[in-house]
């Protein structure tokens, strides 16, 4: 799994854990729904460090909490 896929999976898992929808996450994060959905769509996966930080703020967690998760433990090498 690549980093963008891991981030999308982590966001989906956190929504499940916090029992919130993507729409509620967007509101909590100060982002549009389309921004969140563009990050989750496999064809697009538009992800940036600022976006991840805003999502963390929306969940009320730190960046460390976000990345300290099994989704990130065995990532594929991105250099091809």
N, C-alpha and C. Protein backbone atom coordinates (compact mmCIF):
# COMPACT_ATOMS: atom_id res chain seq x y z
N UNK A 1 0.86 -1.17 0.00
CA UNK A 1 0.00 0.00 0.00
C UNK A 1 0.90 1.24 0.00
N UNK A 2 0.54 2.24 -0.79
CA UNK A 2 1.26 3.49 -0.83
C UNK A 2 0.76 4.46 0.23
N UNK A 3 1.49 5.53 0.43
CA UNK A 3 1.16 6.51 1.48
C UNK A 3 -0.21 7.15 1.27
N UNK A 4 -0.56 7.48 0.05
CA UNK A 4 -1.86 8.12 -0.18
C UNK A 4 -3.01 7.16 0.12
N UNK A 5 -2.84 5.89 -0.23
CA UNK A 5 -3.87 4.90 0.09
C UNK A 5 -3.97 4.71 1.60
N UNK A 6 -2.84 4.71 2.28
CA UNK A 6 -2.83 4.55 3.74
C UNK A 6 -3.52 5.73 4.42
N UNK A 7 -3.28 6.94 3.92
CA UNK A 7 -3.93 8.12 4.49
C UNK A 7 -5.44 8.04 4.30
N UNK A 8 -5.87 7.68 3.11
CA UNK A 8 -7.31 7.55 2.84
C UNK A 8 -7.94 6.49 3.75
N UNK A 9 -7.27 5.36 3.90
CA UNK A 9 -7.79 4.30 4.77
C UNK A 9 -7.85 4.77 6.22
N UNK A 10 -6.83 5.49 6.66
CA UNK A 10 -6.79 5.99 8.03
C UNK A 10 -7.95 6.95 8.28
N UNK A 11 -8.22 7.82 7.33
CA UNK A 11 -9.34 8.77 7.48
C UNK A 11 -10.65 8.00 7.58
N UNK A 12 -10.84 7.02 6.72
CA UNK A 12 -12.08 6.23 6.76
C UNK A 12 -12.21 5.49 8.09
N UNK A 13 -11.10 4.92 8.57
CA UNK A 13 -11.13 4.21 9.85
C UNK A 13 -11.42 5.16 11.01
N UNK A 14 -10.83 6.35 10.98
CA UNK A 14 -11.10 7.33 12.04
C UNK A 14 -12.55 7.79 12.03
N UNK A 15 -13.13 7.95 10.84
CA UNK A 15 -14.55 8.29 10.77
C UNK A 15 -15.38 7.20 11.44
N UNK A 16 -15.04 5.95 11.17
CA UNK A 16 -15.76 4.84 11.81
C UNK A 16 -15.57 4.86 13.32
N UNK A 17 -14.32 5.04 13.77
CA UNK A 17 -14.02 5.05 15.20
C UNK A 17 -14.74 6.20 15.92
N UNK A 18 -14.80 7.36 15.28
CA UNK A 18 -15.41 8.53 15.89
C UNK A 18 -16.90 8.63 15.57
N UNK A 19 -17.38 7.67 14.77
CA UNK A 19 -18.79 7.62 14.38
C UNK A 19 -19.26 8.93 13.76
N UNK A 20 -18.46 9.43 12.79
CA UNK A 20 -18.86 10.64 12.08
C UNK A 20 -18.80 10.39 10.58
N UNK A 21 -19.58 11.15 9.86
CA UNK A 21 -19.62 11.03 8.40
C UNK A 21 -18.52 11.90 7.78
N UNK A 22 -18.29 11.68 6.51
CA UNK A 22 -17.35 12.51 5.77
C UNK A 22 -17.82 13.97 5.78
N UNK A 23 -19.12 14.17 5.66
CA UNK A 23 -19.67 15.54 5.69
C UNK A 23 -19.38 16.21 7.03
N UNK A 24 -19.56 15.49 8.11
CA UNK A 24 -19.28 16.05 9.44
C UNK A 24 -17.78 16.31 9.60
N UNK A 25 -16.95 15.40 9.11
CA UNK A 25 -15.51 15.61 9.16
C UNK A 25 -15.13 16.88 8.41
N UNK A 26 -15.71 17.08 7.23
CA UNK A 26 -15.42 18.28 6.45
C UNK A 26 -15.77 19.53 7.25
N UNK A 27 -16.92 19.54 7.85
CA UNK A 27 -17.34 20.68 8.67
C UNK A 27 -16.38 20.90 9.83
N UNK A 28 -16.06 19.83 10.55
CA UNK A 28 -15.16 19.92 11.71
C UNK A 28 -13.76 20.40 11.31
N UNK A 29 -13.35 20.07 10.09
CA UNK A 29 -12.00 20.38 9.62
C UNK A 29 -11.91 21.72 8.89
N UNK A 30 -13.04 22.34 8.62
CA UNK A 30 -13.05 23.59 7.87
C UNK A 30 -12.74 23.37 6.40
N UNK A 31 -13.09 22.18 5.91
CA UNK A 31 -12.84 21.82 4.51
C UNK A 31 -14.16 21.58 3.80
N UNK A 32 -14.12 21.60 2.48
CA UNK A 32 -15.33 21.25 1.73
C UNK A 32 -15.43 19.74 1.62
N UNK A 33 -16.64 19.27 1.42
CA UNK A 33 -16.83 17.83 1.22
C UNK A 33 -16.07 17.34 0.01
N UNK A 34 -16.05 18.16 -1.04
CA UNK A 34 -15.36 17.74 -2.26
C UNK A 34 -13.85 17.57 -2.02
N UNK A 35 -13.28 18.37 -1.14
CA UNK A 35 -11.86 18.22 -0.81
C UNK A 35 -11.61 16.87 -0.15
N UNK A 36 -12.45 16.52 0.80
CA UNK A 36 -12.29 15.23 1.49
C UNK A 36 -12.51 14.09 0.50
N UNK A 37 -13.58 14.18 -0.29
CA UNK A 37 -13.86 13.11 -1.24
C UNK A 37 -12.76 12.97 -2.28
N UNK A 38 -12.14 14.08 -2.70
CA UNK A 38 -11.06 13.97 -3.69
C UNK A 38 -9.85 13.27 -3.10
N UNK A 39 -9.69 13.34 -1.79
CA UNK A 39 -8.61 12.64 -1.14
C UNK A 39 -8.91 11.13 -1.03
N UNK A 40 -10.17 10.80 -0.92
CA UNK A 40 -10.57 9.41 -0.73
C UNK A 40 -10.72 8.65 -2.04
N UNK A 41 -10.97 9.34 -3.15
CA UNK A 41 -11.18 8.67 -4.43
C UNK A 41 -9.87 8.07 -4.94
N UNK A 42 -9.85 6.76 -5.22
CA UNK A 42 -8.60 6.12 -5.67
C UNK A 42 -7.99 6.74 -6.92
N UNK A 43 -8.81 7.28 -7.80
CA UNK A 43 -8.29 7.85 -9.04
C UNK A 43 -7.58 9.19 -8.79
N UNK A 44 -7.92 9.87 -7.71
CA UNK A 44 -7.39 11.22 -7.48
C UNK A 44 -6.39 11.25 -6.33
N UNK A 45 -6.81 10.89 -5.16
CA UNK A 45 -5.97 10.87 -3.97
C UNK A 45 -5.17 12.16 -3.80
N UNK A 46 -5.88 13.31 -3.86
CA UNK A 46 -5.24 14.60 -3.66
C UNK A 46 -4.96 14.80 -2.16
N UNK A 47 -3.69 14.67 -1.77
CA UNK A 47 -3.31 14.73 -0.36
C UNK A 47 -2.15 15.70 -0.19
N UNK A 48 -2.21 16.50 0.86
CA UNK A 48 -1.10 17.37 1.21
C UNK A 48 -0.93 17.34 2.73
N UNK A 49 0.22 17.83 3.18
CA UNK A 49 0.49 17.88 4.63
C UNK A 49 -0.52 18.79 5.33
N UNK A 50 -0.86 19.90 4.70
CA UNK A 50 -1.83 20.84 5.29
C UNK A 50 -3.20 20.18 5.40
N UNK A 51 -3.60 19.44 4.38
CA UNK A 51 -4.88 18.74 4.41
C UNK A 51 -4.91 17.74 5.56
N UNK A 52 -3.86 16.96 5.72
CA UNK A 52 -3.81 15.98 6.81
C UNK A 52 -3.90 16.69 8.16
N UNK A 53 -3.20 17.80 8.31
CA UNK A 53 -3.25 18.55 9.58
C UNK A 53 -4.65 19.05 9.86
N UNK A 54 -5.34 19.57 8.86
CA UNK A 54 -6.71 20.04 9.07
C UNK A 54 -7.65 18.89 9.44
N UNK A 55 -7.44 17.74 8.82
CA UNK A 55 -8.24 16.57 9.15
C UNK A 55 -7.98 16.15 10.60
N UNK A 56 -6.71 16.16 11.00
CA UNK A 56 -6.38 15.85 12.39
C UNK A 56 -7.08 16.81 13.34
N UNK A 57 -7.08 18.10 13.01
CA UNK A 57 -7.78 19.09 13.83
C UNK A 57 -9.27 18.77 13.91
N UNK A 58 -9.84 18.32 12.79
CA UNK A 58 -11.25 17.96 12.77
C UNK A 58 -11.58 16.77 13.66
N UNK A 59 -10.63 15.86 13.78
CA UNK A 59 -10.82 14.70 14.67
C UNK A 59 -10.40 15.02 16.11
N UNK A 60 -9.69 16.14 16.30
CA UNK A 60 -9.19 16.47 17.63
C UNK A 60 -8.00 15.60 18.03
N UNK A 61 -7.18 15.23 17.04
CA UNK A 61 -6.01 14.41 17.31
C UNK A 61 -4.77 15.11 16.77
N UNK A 62 -3.61 14.62 17.18
CA UNK A 62 -2.35 15.18 16.69
C UNK A 62 -1.92 14.44 15.43
N UNK A 63 -0.97 15.04 14.72
CA UNK A 63 -0.38 14.39 13.55
C UNK A 63 0.26 13.06 13.98
N UNK A 64 0.90 13.06 15.14
CA UNK A 64 1.54 11.83 15.64
C UNK A 64 0.48 10.74 15.84
N UNK A 65 -0.66 11.10 16.43
CA UNK A 65 -1.75 10.13 16.61
C UNK A 65 -2.24 9.61 15.26
N UNK A 66 -2.30 10.49 14.28
CA UNK A 66 -2.78 10.10 12.96
C UNK A 66 -1.86 9.05 12.34
N UNK A 67 -0.57 9.33 12.35
CA UNK A 67 0.38 8.44 11.66
C UNK A 67 0.81 7.23 12.51
N UNK A 68 0.56 7.26 13.80
CA UNK A 68 0.92 6.13 14.66
C UNK A 68 -0.21 5.09 14.61
N UNK A 69 -0.29 4.43 13.47
CA UNK A 69 -1.38 3.49 13.21
C UNK A 69 -0.89 2.41 12.25
N UNK A 70 -1.44 1.21 12.36
CA UNK A 70 -0.98 0.10 11.52
C UNK A 70 -0.99 0.37 10.02
N UNK A 71 -1.86 1.27 9.56
CA UNK A 71 -1.90 1.56 8.13
C UNK A 71 -0.54 2.03 7.60
N UNK A 72 0.28 2.58 8.47
CA UNK A 72 1.55 3.18 8.04
C UNK A 72 2.78 2.33 8.37
N UNK A 73 2.59 1.18 8.98
CA UNK A 73 3.73 0.40 9.46
C UNK A 73 4.52 -0.28 8.34
N UNK A 74 3.87 -0.72 7.29
CA UNK A 74 4.56 -1.46 6.23
C UNK A 74 4.24 -0.88 4.85
N UNK A 75 4.53 0.38 4.66
CA UNK A 75 4.25 1.03 3.38
C UNK A 75 5.22 0.58 2.31
N UNK A 76 4.70 0.55 1.08
CA UNK A 76 5.55 0.24 -0.07
C UNK A 76 6.52 1.40 -0.29
N UNK A 77 7.64 1.09 -0.89
CA UNK A 77 8.58 2.13 -1.27
C UNK A 77 7.96 2.93 -2.41
N UNK A 78 8.02 4.26 -2.31
CA UNK A 78 7.41 5.13 -3.32
C UNK A 78 8.33 5.37 -4.50
N UNK A 79 9.62 5.17 -4.35
CA UNK A 79 10.57 5.37 -5.45
C UNK A 79 10.50 4.16 -6.36
N UNK A 80 10.29 4.41 -7.63
CA UNK A 80 10.16 3.30 -8.58
C UNK A 80 11.18 3.42 -9.67
